[in-house]
Amino acid sequence: MKQVVVTIDGPAGAGKSSVAKLLARRLGYRLLDTGAIYRAVALVAKRAGTPWTEGAACAQIARDLDISYDFVGDKNHVFVAGEDVSAQIRTPDISQGASQVSAHPEVRAALLELQRRLGAGGGVVVEGRDTGTVVFPTAEAKFFLTATDVERTRRRVAELAATGAAVDFEVTLREIRERDQRDASRDVAPMVPAADAVLVDSSTQTLEEVVESLAATVESRAHTP
């Protein structure tokens, strides 16, 4: 069976991270979280006092970014210059920052080569917002995972509450809607399904059901000459 590139795109809270992690484990593939790269740029920019609105400065940070991934237990951890920043890049503040940073064409251009290099050779599950349309347009298996905004908010609130963070449902819902609008309407690489992507609504499916469905599709594509 050949090793293929699998892309999973979709909005925040659709379950991409959980699905991508389990799918990668199920297939024996590597896992590449492209959203974490933009989050890492936003985190490094914030630490350096660089405004997220400064495209050229953020692009330089992107070009210099030293990022790596490694499974620690059953979680895919993100490291920047050797520091585990997995928790720091998942805060609501950095989520908003990542959305702003990713809207800069020069930042996206700077990170495109990095993402393609990390996913070279196949045998990889790539998670993000434009992985099937821009980063890996010739990927053999593409998916666009979504859920209702209310369901995605419920999941996000539960995720943050589990870390001890105090979160407000209505505020989180508003932030998700604002991010959806920003990500879908940006001029460069808007968040839209690839023409050949399989659309998957996870609103009423269990995580296991989604993973089983995607795995079956990937395995059928991997067997195709």
Protein backbone atom coordinates (compact mmCIF):
# COMPACT_ATOMS: atom_id res chain seq x y z
CA MET A 1 0.00 0.00 0.00
CA LYS A 2 1.47 3.35 -1.01
CA GLN A 3 1.86 6.14 1.54
CA VAL A 4 -0.30 9.16 0.68
CA VAL A 5 -0.74 12.72 1.86
CA VAL A 6 -3.96 13.20 3.84
CA THR A 7 -5.27 16.74 4.39
CA ILE A 8 -7.90 17.71 6.96
CA ASP A 9 -9.14 21.30 6.75
CA GLY A 10 -11.97 23.08 8.53
CA PRO A 11 -12.89 25.77 11.06
CA ALA A 12 -11.83 26.01 14.70
CA GLY A 13 -13.51 23.50 16.99
CA ALA A 14 -14.56 21.07 14.26
CA GLY A 15 -12.47 18.34 15.83
CA LYS A 16 -9.57 18.44 13.35
CA SER A 17 -6.84 17.96 15.98
CA SER A 18 -8.48 14.95 17.62
CA VAL A 19 -9.41 13.35 14.31
CA ALA A 20 -5.99 13.98 12.76
CA LYS A 21 -4.17 12.54 15.77
CA LEU A 22 -6.23 9.34 15.89
CA LEU A 23 -6.19 8.95 12.12
CA ALA A 24 -2.39 9.30 12.01
CA ARG A 25 -2.07 6.68 14.74
CA ARG A 26 -4.53 4.37 12.97
CA LEU A 27 -2.64 4.64 9.67
CA GLY A 28 0.86 4.69 11.15
CA TYR A 29 1.42 8.12 9.59
CA ARG A 30 3.22 11.23 10.82
CA LEU A 31 1.08 14.15 12.03
CA LEU A 32 1.59 17.74 10.84
CA ASP A 33 -0.52 20.43 12.54
CA THR A 34 -0.14 23.46 10.26
CA GLY A 35 -2.34 25.59 12.50
CA ALA A 36 0.18 25.11 15.28
CA ILE A 37 2.81 26.72 13.05
CA TYR A 38 0.77 29.92 12.76
CA ARG A 39 0.04 29.81 16.48
CA ALA A 40 3.77 29.46 17.14
CA VAL A 41 4.48 32.52 14.98
CA ALA A 42 1.84 34.47 16.93
CA LEU A 43 3.36 33.36 20.24
CA VAL A 44 6.92 34.25 19.25
CA ALA A 45 5.70 37.62 17.92
CA LYS A 46 3.89 38.39 21.15
CA ARG A 47 6.92 37.49 23.23
CA ALA A 48 9.07 39.74 21.04
CA GLY A 49 6.63 42.64 21.28
CA THR A 50 5.87 42.43 17.55
CA PRO A 51 2.28 43.45 16.67
CA TRP A 52 0.31 40.77 14.83
CA THR A 53 -0.70 43.45 12.34
CA GLU A 54 2.91 43.86 11.17
CA GLY A 55 3.07 41.48 8.22
CA ALA A 56 6.73 41.97 7.29
CA ALA A 57 7.96 41.52 10.86
CA CYS A 58 5.79 38.44 11.41
CA ALA A 59 7.04 37.00 8.11
CA GLN A 60 10.62 37.30 9.34
CA ILE A 61 9.64 35.43 12.50
CA ALA A 62 8.04 32.77 10.27
CA ARG A 63 11.22 32.39 8.19
CA ASP A 64 13.32 31.96 11.33
CA LEU A 65 10.88 29.62 13.09
CA ASP A 66 12.46 26.50 14.59
CA ILE A 67 9.47 24.19 15.07
CA SER A 68 9.19 20.45 15.60
CA TYR A 69 6.57 17.89 16.66
CA ASP A 70 6.77 14.82 18.84
CA PHE A 71 4.22 12.50 20.42
CA VAL A 72 4.43 12.64 24.22
CA GLY A 73 2.19 9.85 25.43
CA ASP A 74 -0.87 10.12 23.21
CA LYS A 75 -0.55 13.87 22.55
CA ASN A 76 1.24 15.54 19.64
CA HIS A 77 3.39 18.19 21.33
CA VAL A 78 4.77 21.29 19.61
CA PHE A 79 8.28 22.56 20.29
CA VAL A 80 9.76 25.94 19.36
CA ALA A 81 13.53 26.15 19.66
CA GLY A 82 13.34 23.08 21.89
CA GLU A 83 10.70 24.54 24.25
CA ASP A 84 7.39 22.70 24.61
CA VAL A 85 4.81 25.40 23.82
CA SER A 86 1.82 23.06 23.37
CA ALA A 87 -0.21 24.74 26.14
CA GLN A 88 0.87 28.33 25.42
CA ILE A 89 -0.26 28.26 21.78
CA ARG A 90 -3.78 27.05 22.65
CA THR A 91 -4.95 30.09 24.63
CA PRO A 92 -7.84 32.20 23.24
CA ASP A 93 -5.46 35.16 22.85
CA ILE A 94 -2.99 33.24 20.71
CA SER A 95 -5.88 31.71 18.71
CA GLN A 96 -6.93 35.21 17.70
CA GLY A 97 -3.32 36.13 17.03
CA ALA A 98 -2.84 33.12 14.76
CA SER A 99 -5.86 34.13 12.70
CA GLN A 100 -4.44 37.67 12.29
CA VAL A 101 -0.93 36.47 11.49
CA SER A 102 -2.17 33.93 8.94
CA ALA A 103 -3.97 36.68 6.99
CA HIS A 104 -0.64 38.21 5.89
CA PRO A 105 0.39 36.97 2.41
CA GLU A 106 4.08 37.28 3.27
CA VAL A 107 3.66 35.07 6.35
CA ARG A 108 1.83 32.39 4.39
CA ALA A 109 4.50 32.48 1.68
CA ALA A 110 7.25 32.15 4.27
CA LEU A 111 5.62 29.09 5.84
CA LEU A 112 4.52 27.34 2.64
CA GLU A 113 7.94 25.84 1.91
CA LEU A 114 8.34 24.75 5.54
CA GLN A 115 5.00 22.96 5.53
CA ARG A 116 5.69 21.20 2.24
CA ARG A 117 9.09 20.09 3.46
CA LEU A 118 7.61 18.69 6.67
CA GLY A 119 5.02 16.74 4.67
CA ALA A 120 7.27 15.54 1.86
CA GLY A 121 7.20 11.89 0.88
CA GLY A 122 3.64 11.11 1.96
CA GLY A 123 2.67 9.00 4.93
CA VAL A 124 1.48 12.14 6.69
CA VAL A 125 -1.80 13.54 8.01
CA VAL A 126 -1.82 17.32 7.61
CA GLU A 127 -4.24 19.43 9.61
CA GLY A 128 -5.07 23.07 8.96
CA ARG A 129 -7.30 25.46 7.03
CA ASP A 130 -5.86 25.51 3.51
CA THR A 131 -3.83 22.30 3.39
CA GLY A 132 -5.92 20.74 0.62
CA THR A 133 -6.30 23.91 -1.45
CA VAL A 134 -2.87 25.57 -1.17
CA VAL A 135 -0.26 23.60 0.76
CA PHE A 136 -0.86 20.14 -0.75
CA PRO A 137 -3.19 20.69 -3.74
CA THR A 138 -2.31 17.27 -5.19
CA ALA A 139 -2.89 15.32 -1.95
CA GLU A 140 -4.48 11.94 -2.60
CA ALA A 141 -7.03 12.16 0.25
CA LYS A 142 -8.61 15.49 1.21
CA PHE A 143 -11.24 16.14 3.87
CA PHE A 144 -13.09 19.25 5.05
CA LEU A 145 -14.30 18.70 8.61
CA THR A 146 -16.91 20.96 10.13
CA ALA A 147 -19.70 21.18 12.72
CA THR A 148 -22.25 23.80 13.72
CA ASP A 149 -20.80 26.90 15.38
CA VAL A 150 -22.75 26.15 18.58
CA GLU A 151 -21.36 22.61 18.74
CA ARG A 152 -17.85 23.87 18.04
CA THR A 153 -18.22 26.43 20.83
CA ARG A 154 -19.40 23.75 23.25
CA ARG A 155 -16.34 21.67 22.47
CA ARG A 156 -13.97 24.62 22.79
CA VAL A 157 -15.43 25.67 26.15
CA ALA A 158 -15.14 22.11 27.46
CA GLU A 159 -11.53 21.89 26.23
CA LEU A 160 -10.53 25.14 27.94
CA ALA A 161 -12.48 24.34 31.10
CA ALA A 162 -10.55 21.07 31.36
CA THR A 163 -7.34 23.10 31.64
CA GLY A 164 -8.80 25.18 34.47
CA ALA A 165 -9.43 28.27 32.32
CA ALA A 166 -12.50 30.40 33.03
CA VAL A 167 -14.44 30.76 29.77
CA ASP A 168 -17.73 32.32 28.77
CA PHE A 169 -19.89 30.47 26.22
CA GLU A 170 -21.29 33.57 24.49
CA VAL A 171 -17.87 35.26 24.26
CA THR A 172 -16.35 32.08 22.83
CA LEU A 173 -19.20 31.72 20.33
CA ARG A 174 -18.68 35.31 19.17
CA GLU A 175 -14.92 34.77 18.82
CA ILE A 176 -15.46 31.60 16.76
CA ARG A 177 -17.91 33.37 14.45
CA GLU A 178 -15.51 36.29 14.03
CA ARG A 179 -12.65 33.94 13.25
CA ASP A 180 -14.76 31.96 10.77
CA GLN A 181 -15.60 35.20 8.97
CA ARG A 182 -12.00 36.40 8.95
CA ASP A 183 -10.58 33.05 7.82
CA ALA A 184 -13.17 32.55 5.07
CA SER A 185 -12.97 36.10 3.66
CA ARG A 186 -9.21 36.77 3.62
CA ASP A 187 -7.74 37.53 0.20
CA VAL A 188 -4.98 34.91 0.39
CA ALA A 189 -5.79 31.23 0.93
CA PRO A 190 -9.31 31.63 2.35
CA MET A 191 -10.69 28.73 4.38
CA VAL A 192 -12.85 26.91 1.83
CA PRO A 193 -13.16 23.21 0.98
CA ALA A 194 -10.99 21.96 -1.89
CA ALA A 195 -13.08 21.07 -4.92
CA ASP A 196 -12.16 17.41 -4.49
CA ALA A 197 -12.41 17.29 -0.69
CA VAL A 198 -14.80 14.95 1.13
CA LEU A 199 -17.10 17.06 3.32
CA VAL A 200 -17.59 15.65 6.82
CA ASP A 201 -20.04 17.14 9.35
CA SER A 202 -19.01 15.93 12.80
CA SER A 203 -21.85 17.64 14.67
CA THR A 204 -23.69 14.41 15.46
CA GLN A 205 -20.94 11.84 14.94
CA THR A 206 -18.63 10.41 17.56
CA LEU A 207 -14.91 10.88 17.18
CA GLU A 208 -14.50 7.17 16.49
CA GLU A 209 -17.15 7.23 13.75
CA VAL A 210 -15.43 10.12 11.99
CA VAL A 211 -12.00 8.45 12.18
CA GLU A 212 -13.37 5.13 10.88
CA SER A 213 -14.98 6.90 7.92
CA LEU A 214 -11.82 8.82 7.03
CA ALA A 215 -9.57 5.80 7.45
CA ALA A 216 -11.69 3.76 5.05
CA THR A 217 -11.45 6.50 2.42
CA VAL A 218 -7.68 6.88 2.86
CA GLU A 219 -7.09 3.14 2.61
CA SER A 220 -9.13 2.95 -0.59
CA ARG A 221 -7.15 5.84 -2.10
CA ALA A 222 -3.86 4.27 -1.01
CA HIS A 223 -4.76 1.11 -2.94
CA THR A 224 -5.56 3.07 -6.11
CA PRO A 225 -2.75 2.84 -8.71
